[in-house]
Protein backbone atom coordinates (compact mmCIF):
# COMPACT_ATOMS: atom_id res chain seq x y z
CA PHE A 1 -5.79 0.83 -4.17
CA SER A 2 -7.80 -0.17 -7.19
CA ARG A 3 -9.31 1.70 -10.11
CA ASP A 4 -12.82 0.74 -8.88
CA ASP A 5 -12.10 2.21 -5.43
CA VAL A 6 -10.88 5.46 -6.99
CA MET A 7 -13.89 5.57 -9.33
CA ARG A 8 -16.30 5.04 -6.41
CA ALA A 9 -14.57 7.70 -4.26
CA VAL A 10 -14.48 10.31 -7.01
CA ALA A 11 -18.11 9.62 -7.95
CA GLU A 12 -19.15 9.99 -4.31
CA PHE A 13 -17.20 13.25 -4.12
CA VAL A 14 -18.94 14.60 -7.26
CA VAL A 15 -22.43 13.53 -6.24
CA CYS A 16 -22.40 14.20 -2.49
CA ASP A 17 -20.54 17.53 -2.70
CA ASN A 18 -22.44 18.71 -5.77
CA GLN A 19 -19.24 19.05 -7.81
CA SER A 20 -19.00 19.40 -11.57
CA LEU A 21 -18.07 16.27 -13.51
CA ALA A 22 -15.43 18.41 -15.19
CA ILE A 23 -13.36 18.32 -12.02
CA ALA A 24 -12.18 14.80 -12.96
CA ASN A 25 -10.35 16.29 -15.96
CA LYS A 26 -8.74 19.19 -14.10
CA PRO A 27 -4.96 18.78 -13.88
CA ALA A 28 -4.86 19.88 -10.22
CA PHE A 29 -7.43 17.26 -9.19
CA ARG A 30 -5.72 14.53 -11.20
CA ASN A 31 -2.38 15.49 -9.59
CA CYS A 32 -4.00 15.10 -6.17
CA LEU A 33 -5.09 11.56 -7.07
CA VAL A 34 -1.60 10.71 -8.32
CA ALA A 35 -0.06 12.19 -5.14
CA MET A 36 -2.23 9.83 -3.07
CA CYS A 37 -1.04 6.87 -5.13
CA PRO A 38 2.28 7.64 -6.83
CA ASN A 39 2.34 4.27 -8.64
CA ALA A 40 -0.84 5.08 -10.53
CA ASN A 41 -0.64 5.41 -14.29
CA LYS A 42 -2.86 7.43 -16.58
CA ALA A 43 -5.30 4.56 -17.09
CA ASP A 44 -5.89 4.33 -13.32
CA ILE A 45 -7.15 7.91 -13.07
CA PRO A 46 -10.82 8.20 -14.14
CA SER A 47 -11.93 10.83 -16.64
CA SER A 48 -15.15 12.80 -16.43
CA HIS A 49 -16.68 10.38 -18.96
CA ASP A 50 -15.69 7.41 -16.78
CA ILE A 51 -17.24 9.08 -13.72
CA SER A 52 -20.42 9.99 -15.62
CA THR A 53 -20.80 6.39 -16.83
CA PHE A 54 -20.14 5.02 -13.33
CA ILE A 55 -22.75 7.33 -11.76
CA HIS A 56 -25.32 6.45 -14.46
CA ASN A 57 -24.75 2.72 -14.09
CA SER A 58 -24.85 2.94 -10.29
CA PHE A 59 -28.19 4.77 -10.48
CA ILE A 60 -29.64 2.16 -12.86
CA ASN A 61 -28.52 -0.62 -10.50
CA PHE A 62 -30.03 1.20 -7.54
CA LEU A 63 -33.38 1.53 -9.33
CA GLN A 64 -33.36 -2.13 -10.37
CA ASN A 65 -32.62 -3.23 -6.79
CA LEU A 66 -35.33 -0.91 -5.44
CA LYS A 67 -37.86 -2.25 -7.91
CA HIS A 68 -37.00 -5.81 -6.93
CA ARG A 69 -37.29 -5.04 -3.20
CA ILE A 70 -40.67 -3.35 -3.74
CA GLN A 71 -42.01 -6.32 -5.62
CA VAL A 72 -40.97 -8.85 -3.01
């Protein structure tokens, strides 16, 4: 368990299942994450802002890698 793994999993859930970013701030969803890892503290659970930033940065990295692969 790591914060990065949780971030990646939640981002994949939001993007692939066409979920709202707001789900990351819903108490029921956050409780599910804590139930899966009882030792998690508040800082380990990503907010909707964290997820949005992660998705944005992942997309930018994807585009940069794609551009590089096309140029080679």
